[in-house]
Amino acid sequence: MLLVLALLLHSNCWALDVTLQWDANTEPDIAGYDVYYGDHAIYGGTGAAEGDSPILTSPESDENPDPALVEFTLHLPDCINFYYAVKARDDQGRVSDFSNEVFTLSGTAEYFGFEEMP
């Protein structure tokens, strides 16, 4: 399964709210998604209001009413460069490969996405 992330930003230099959006997993045993973030691509992020990386989400935490899409917003403490990726998790605890990666640049409303992880 390939998860594709999109990024919607609301940015200033006091905080960074990042909304990640991806195609929903259609398998019946989906338990949620693991949202990874960090200031480099190893995703050891800390400080988001939602918790440290990875953040384990459930289908109930989906912010998008469209069942084909999943959205999750991170509330980050300050403006530094962050990288993001997602894994799907089933009810047996098995996880998918990483999605494509996106990142934000400090103090900007710019983001960059990658088609595949290296």
N, C-alpha and C. Protein backbone atom coordinates (compact mmCIF):
# COMPACT_ATOMS: atom_id res chain seq x y z
N MET A 1 0.83 -1.17 0.00
CA MET A 1 0.00 0.00 0.00
C MET A 1 0.89 1.24 0.00
N LEU A 2 0.55 2.20 -0.78
CA LEU A 2 1.29 3.46 -0.83
C LEU A 2 0.42 4.55 -0.24
N LEU A 3 0.92 5.19 0.79
CA LEU A 3 0.24 6.34 1.38
C LEU A 3 0.84 7.59 0.77
N VAL A 4 0.01 8.50 0.36
CA VAL A 4 0.48 9.74 -0.23
C VAL A 4 0.06 10.89 0.68
N LEU A 5 1.01 11.70 1.09
CA LEU A 5 0.74 12.80 1.99
C LEU A 5 0.61 14.11 1.24
N ALA A 6 -0.29 14.93 1.69
CA ALA A 6 -0.36 16.33 1.27
C ALA A 6 -0.22 17.15 2.53
N LEU A 7 0.14 18.37 2.39
CA LEU A 7 0.42 19.19 3.56
C LEU A 7 -0.28 20.53 3.42
N LEU A 8 -1.01 20.91 4.46
CA LEU A 8 -1.68 22.21 4.53
C LEU A 8 -1.11 22.93 5.73
N LEU A 9 -0.66 24.16 5.55
CA LEU A 9 0.04 24.86 6.63
C LEU A 9 -0.70 26.10 7.10
N HIS A 10 -0.55 26.34 8.38
CA HIS A 10 -0.94 27.60 9.00
C HIS A 10 0.29 27.99 9.81
N SER A 11 1.06 28.96 9.36
CA SER A 11 2.38 29.15 9.96
C SER A 11 2.61 30.56 10.45
N ASN A 12 3.30 30.66 11.57
CA ASN A 12 3.95 31.87 12.03
C ASN A 12 5.15 31.40 12.86
N CYS A 13 5.97 32.27 13.34
CA CYS A 13 7.17 31.82 14.03
C CYS A 13 6.97 31.54 15.51
N TRP A 14 5.76 31.54 15.98
CA TRP A 14 5.52 31.20 17.38
C TRP A 14 5.01 29.77 17.50
N ALA A 15 4.41 29.28 16.47
CA ALA A 15 3.90 27.91 16.47
C ALA A 15 3.70 27.49 15.02
N LEU A 16 3.59 26.21 14.83
CA LEU A 16 3.38 25.69 13.48
C LEU A 16 2.31 24.61 13.56
N ASP A 17 1.18 24.85 12.92
CA ASP A 17 0.13 23.85 12.80
C ASP A 17 0.26 23.23 11.43
N VAL A 18 0.44 21.93 11.37
CA VAL A 18 0.63 21.23 10.11
C VAL A 18 -0.46 20.18 9.98
N THR A 19 -1.24 20.26 8.91
CA THR A 19 -2.28 19.27 8.64
C THR A 19 -1.77 18.34 7.55
N LEU A 20 -1.62 17.07 7.90
CA LEU A 20 -1.22 16.04 6.95
C LEU A 20 -2.49 15.39 6.40
N GLN A 21 -2.49 15.09 5.12
CA GLN A 21 -3.64 14.45 4.49
C GLN A 21 -3.15 13.32 3.61
N TRP A 22 -3.82 12.17 3.67
CA TRP A 22 -3.43 11.04 2.85
C TRP A 22 -4.66 10.22 2.48
N ASP A 23 -4.49 9.34 1.47
CA ASP A 23 -5.56 8.44 1.06
C ASP A 23 -5.78 7.40 2.16
N ALA A 24 -7.03 7.16 2.48
CA ALA A 24 -7.37 6.20 3.53
C ALA A 24 -7.04 4.78 3.07
N ASN A 25 -6.60 3.96 4.01
CA ASN A 25 -6.40 2.54 3.77
C ASN A 25 -7.79 1.90 3.73
N THR A 26 -8.06 1.09 2.72
CA THR A 26 -9.39 0.51 2.55
C THR A 26 -9.50 -0.90 3.10
N GLU A 27 -8.44 -1.43 3.69
CA GLU A 27 -8.50 -2.78 4.24
C GLU A 27 -9.40 -2.79 5.49
N PRO A 28 -10.19 -3.86 5.68
CA PRO A 28 -11.16 -3.86 6.78
C PRO A 28 -10.54 -3.93 8.17
N ASP A 29 -9.27 -4.32 8.27
CA ASP A 29 -8.65 -4.47 9.59
C ASP A 29 -7.78 -3.28 9.98
N ILE A 30 -7.99 -2.12 9.33
CA ILE A 30 -7.19 -0.94 9.66
C ILE A 30 -7.52 -0.48 11.09
N ALA A 31 -6.48 -0.30 11.88
CA ALA A 31 -6.67 0.15 13.27
C ALA A 31 -6.31 1.62 13.42
N GLY A 32 -5.49 2.14 12.51
CA GLY A 32 -5.09 3.53 12.59
C GLY A 32 -3.81 3.77 11.82
N TYR A 33 -3.18 4.89 12.12
CA TYR A 33 -1.98 5.31 11.43
C TYR A 33 -0.97 5.79 12.45
N ASP A 34 0.30 5.59 12.14
CA ASP A 34 1.39 6.09 12.96
C ASP A 34 1.97 7.29 12.24
N VAL A 35 1.88 8.45 12.85
CA VAL A 35 2.34 9.70 12.25
C VAL A 35 3.72 10.01 12.82
N TYR A 36 4.71 10.08 11.94
CA TYR A 36 6.09 10.33 12.32
C TYR A 36 6.47 11.76 11.95
N TYR A 37 7.23 12.41 12.83
CA TYR A 37 7.75 13.73 12.53
C TYR A 37 9.08 13.90 13.22
N GLY A 38 9.88 14.81 12.72
CA GLY A 38 11.16 15.11 13.35
C GLY A 38 11.87 16.20 12.60
N ASP A 39 12.94 16.71 13.22
CA ASP A 39 13.68 17.79 12.57
C ASP A 39 14.71 17.28 11.58
N HIS A 40 14.75 15.98 11.40
CA HIS A 40 15.49 15.34 10.32
C HIS A 40 14.77 14.05 9.99
N ALA A 41 15.16 13.38 8.94
CA ALA A 41 14.38 12.27 8.42
C ALA A 41 14.42 11.00 9.26
N ILE A 42 14.95 11.03 10.48
CA ILE A 42 14.83 9.83 11.31
C ILE A 42 13.60 9.88 12.21
N TYR A 43 12.85 10.96 12.17
CA TYR A 43 11.53 11.08 12.80
C TYR A 43 11.54 10.90 14.31
N GLY A 44 12.52 11.41 14.99
CA GLY A 44 12.55 11.35 16.45
C GLY A 44 11.97 12.59 17.08
N GLY A 45 10.92 13.13 16.51
CA GLY A 45 10.37 14.41 16.94
C GLY A 45 9.76 14.39 18.32
N THR A 46 9.93 15.51 19.02
CA THR A 46 9.30 15.71 20.32
C THR A 46 8.69 17.10 20.36
N GLY A 47 7.76 17.31 21.27
CA GLY A 47 7.24 18.64 21.50
C GLY A 47 5.90 18.96 20.88
N ALA A 48 5.37 18.12 20.00
CA ALA A 48 4.04 18.40 19.45
C ALA A 48 3.00 18.23 20.55
N ALA A 49 1.95 19.02 20.50
CA ALA A 49 0.89 18.93 21.49
C ALA A 49 0.27 17.53 21.51
N GLU A 50 0.32 16.83 20.40
CA GLU A 50 -0.28 15.50 20.29
C GLU A 50 0.62 14.39 20.83
N GLY A 51 1.90 14.71 21.08
CA GLY A 51 2.82 13.71 21.63
C GLY A 51 4.08 13.59 20.81
N ASP A 52 4.97 12.74 21.30
CA ASP A 52 6.23 12.49 20.60
C ASP A 52 6.01 11.54 19.43
N SER A 53 6.93 11.57 18.49
CA SER A 53 6.86 10.72 17.31
C SER A 53 7.26 9.30 17.67
N PRO A 54 6.55 8.29 17.16
CA PRO A 54 5.35 8.39 16.32
C PRO A 54 4.10 8.61 17.16
N ILE A 55 3.14 9.30 16.58
CA ILE A 55 1.85 9.52 17.21
C ILE A 55 0.91 8.45 16.65
N LEU A 56 0.34 7.64 17.53
CA LEU A 56 -0.56 6.57 17.11
C LEU A 56 -1.97 7.14 17.03
N THR A 57 -2.55 7.13 15.84
CA THR A 57 -3.88 7.67 15.64
C THR A 57 -4.87 6.53 15.44
N SER A 58 -6.13 6.83 15.63
CA SER A 58 -7.20 5.87 15.37
C SER A 58 -8.10 6.45 14.29
N PRO A 59 -8.98 5.63 13.72
CA PRO A 59 -9.91 6.19 12.73
C PRO A 59 -10.74 7.33 13.28
N GLU A 60 -11.00 7.35 14.57
CA GLU A 60 -11.80 8.41 15.18
C GLU A 60 -11.07 9.76 15.20
N SER A 61 -9.75 9.74 15.07
CA SER A 61 -9.00 11.00 15.08
C SER A 61 -8.93 11.66 13.70
N ASP A 62 -9.52 11.01 12.69
CA ASP A 62 -9.54 11.56 11.33
C ASP A 62 -10.35 12.85 11.32
N GLU A 63 -9.75 13.94 10.84
CA GLU A 63 -10.39 15.26 10.81
C GLU A 63 -11.12 15.55 9.50
N ASN A 64 -11.09 14.60 8.55
CA ASN A 64 -11.70 14.82 7.24
C ASN A 64 -12.99 14.02 7.15
N PRO A 65 -14.12 14.65 6.78
CA PRO A 65 -15.38 13.91 6.68
C PRO A 65 -15.44 12.97 5.48
N ASP A 66 -14.55 13.13 4.51
CA ASP A 66 -14.51 12.26 3.34
C ASP A 66 -13.87 10.93 3.73
N PRO A 67 -14.58 9.80 3.62
CA PRO A 67 -14.00 8.53 4.04
C PRO A 67 -12.81 8.06 3.19
N ALA A 68 -12.62 8.67 2.03
CA ALA A 68 -11.49 8.29 1.18
C ALA A 68 -10.20 8.99 1.58
N LEU A 69 -10.30 10.02 2.43
CA LEU A 69 -9.12 10.79 2.84
C LEU A 69 -9.01 10.79 4.36
N VAL A 70 -7.78 10.87 4.85
CA VAL A 70 -7.52 10.99 6.28
C VAL A 70 -6.74 12.28 6.50
N GLU A 71 -7.10 13.04 7.52
CA GLU A 71 -6.37 14.26 7.89
C GLU A 71 -6.03 14.20 9.37
N PHE A 72 -4.87 14.72 9.69
CA PHE A 72 -4.44 14.79 11.08
C PHE A 72 -3.59 16.04 11.22
N THR A 73 -3.87 16.85 12.24
CA THR A 73 -3.14 18.10 12.44
C THR A 73 -2.18 17.96 13.61
N LEU A 74 -0.94 18.38 13.38
CA LEU A 74 0.08 18.45 14.42
C LEU A 74 0.22 19.90 14.85
N HIS A 75 0.32 20.13 16.14
CA HIS A 75 0.53 21.46 16.69
C HIS A 75 1.95 21.47 17.26
N LEU A 76 2.86 22.06 16.50
CA LEU A 76 4.28 22.01 16.84
C LEU A 76 4.70 23.28 17.59
N PRO A 77 5.71 23.17 18.44
CA PRO A 77 6.03 24.26 19.35
C PRO A 77 6.72 25.47 18.74
N ASP A 78 7.48 25.31 17.69
CA ASP A 78 8.20 26.46 17.15
C ASP A 78 8.53 26.21 15.69
N CYS A 79 9.07 27.21 15.08
CA CYS A 79 9.36 27.15 13.64
C CYS A 79 10.76 26.59 13.40
N ILE A 80 10.81 25.31 13.20
CA ILE A 80 12.05 24.67 12.74
C ILE A 80 11.67 23.77 11.58
N ASN A 81 12.64 23.31 10.83
CA ASN A 81 12.36 22.40 9.73
C ASN A 81 11.86 21.08 10.31
N PHE A 82 10.75 20.57 9.76
CA PHE A 82 10.23 19.27 10.18
C PHE A 82 9.99 18.39 8.96
N TYR A 83 10.20 17.09 9.15
CA TYR A 83 9.93 16.07 8.15
C TYR A 83 8.79 15.20 8.68
N TYR A 84 7.96 14.68 7.76
CA TYR A 84 6.77 13.93 8.15
C TYR A 84 6.60 12.71 7.25
N ALA A 85 6.10 11.63 7.83
CA ALA A 85 5.72 10.43 7.08
C ALA A 85 4.70 9.67 7.92
N VAL A 86 3.98 8.75 7.28
CA VAL A 86 2.91 8.01 7.93
C VAL A 86 3.05 6.53 7.58
N LYS A 87 2.66 5.67 8.54
CA LYS A 87 2.52 4.23 8.31
C LYS A 87 1.10 3.84 8.70
N ALA A 88 0.50 2.92 7.94
CA ALA A 88 -0.80 2.35 8.32
C ALA A 88 -0.54 1.20 9.29
N ARG A 89 -1.49 1.01 10.24
CA ARG A 89 -1.37 -0.05 11.25
C ARG A 89 -2.68 -0.83 11.27
N ASP A 90 -2.57 -2.19 11.24
CA ASP A 90 -3.80 -3.00 11.31
C ASP A 90 -4.07 -3.45 12.74
N ASP A 91 -5.19 -4.16 12.92
CA ASP A 91 -5.59 -4.55 14.28
C ASP A 91 -4.73 -5.66 14.88
N GLN A 92 -3.79 -6.19 14.11
CA GLN A 92 -2.82 -7.16 14.62
C GLN A 92 -1.48 -6.50 14.94
N GLY A 93 -1.40 -5.19 14.76
CA GLY A 93 -0.18 -4.45 15.05
C GLY A 93 0.83 -4.42 13.91
N ARG A 94 0.48 -4.99 12.77
CA ARG A 94 1.37 -4.94 11.60
C ARG A 94 1.30 -3.55 10.99
N VAL A 95 2.45 -3.05 10.50
CA VAL A 95 2.51 -1.72 9.91
C VAL A 95 2.99 -1.79 8.47
N SER A 96 2.56 -0.82 7.70
CA SER A 96 2.97 -0.71 6.30
C SER A 96 4.36 -0.09 6.24
N ASP A 97 4.88 0.00 5.04
CA ASP A 97 6.09 0.78 4.80
C ASP A 97 5.75 2.26 5.02
N PHE A 98 6.79 3.09 5.12
CA PHE A 98 6.57 4.53 5.22
C PHE A 98 5.89 5.07 3.97
N SER A 99 5.07 6.08 4.16
CA SER A 99 4.51 6.84 3.05
C SER A 99 5.63 7.64 2.40
N ASN A 100 5.26 8.42 1.39
CA ASN A 100 6.22 9.40 0.92
C ASN A 100 6.47 10.41 2.04
N GLU A 101 7.52 11.14 1.94
CA GLU A 101 7.91 12.10 2.97
C GLU A 101 7.65 13.52 2.49
N VAL A 102 7.21 14.37 3.41
CA VAL A 102 7.09 15.80 3.14
C VAL A 102 7.83 16.54 4.24
N PHE A 103 8.23 17.78 3.95
CA PHE A 103 8.86 18.56 5.01
C PHE A 103 8.50 20.02 4.88
N THR A 104 8.58 20.71 6.01
CA THR A 104 8.31 22.15 6.05
C THR A 104 9.61 22.87 6.36
N LEU A 105 9.70 24.10 5.88
CA LEU A 105 10.86 24.94 6.15
C LEU A 105 10.52 25.94 7.24
N SER A 106 11.43 26.17 8.10
CA SER A 106 11.27 27.08 9.23
C SER A 106 10.77 28.45 8.79
N GLY A 107 9.69 28.91 9.44
CA GLY A 107 9.20 30.27 9.23
C GLY A 107 8.60 30.54 7.88
N THR A 108 8.28 29.50 7.10
CA THR A 108 7.69 29.72 5.78
C THR A 108 6.41 28.92 5.66
N ALA A 109 5.66 29.20 4.63
CA ALA A 109 4.48 28.40 4.31
C ALA A 109 4.79 27.47 3.16
N GLU A 110 6.06 27.13 2.98
CA GLU A 110 6.45 26.24 1.90
C GLU A 110 6.58 24.83 2.43
N TYR A 111 6.27 23.88 1.57
CA TYR A 111 6.52 22.49 1.90
C TYR A 111 7.04 21.79 0.66
N PHE A 112 7.69 20.67 0.89
CA PHE A 112 8.26 19.90 -0.20
C PHE A 112 7.87 18.45 0.01
N GLY A 113 7.44 17.78 -1.04
CA GLY A 113 7.06 16.38 -0.94
C GLY A 113 7.96 15.52 -1.81
N PHE A 114 8.08 14.28 -1.43
CA PHE A 114 8.87 13.32 -2.17
C PHE A 114 7.96 12.18 -2.59
N GLU A 115 8.20 11.64 -3.76
CA GLU A 115 7.39 10.53 -4.24
C GLU A 115 7.72 9.23 -3.50
N GLU A 116 8.98 9.02 -3.15
CA GLU A 116 9.37 7.79 -2.49
C GLU A 116 10.40 8.09 -1.43
N MET A 117 10.46 7.23 -0.44
CA MET A 117 11.55 7.32 0.54
C MET A 117 12.81 6.79 -0.11
N PRO A 118 14.00 7.37 0.19
CA PRO A 118 15.23 6.86 -0.41
C PRO A 118 15.57 5.47 0.10
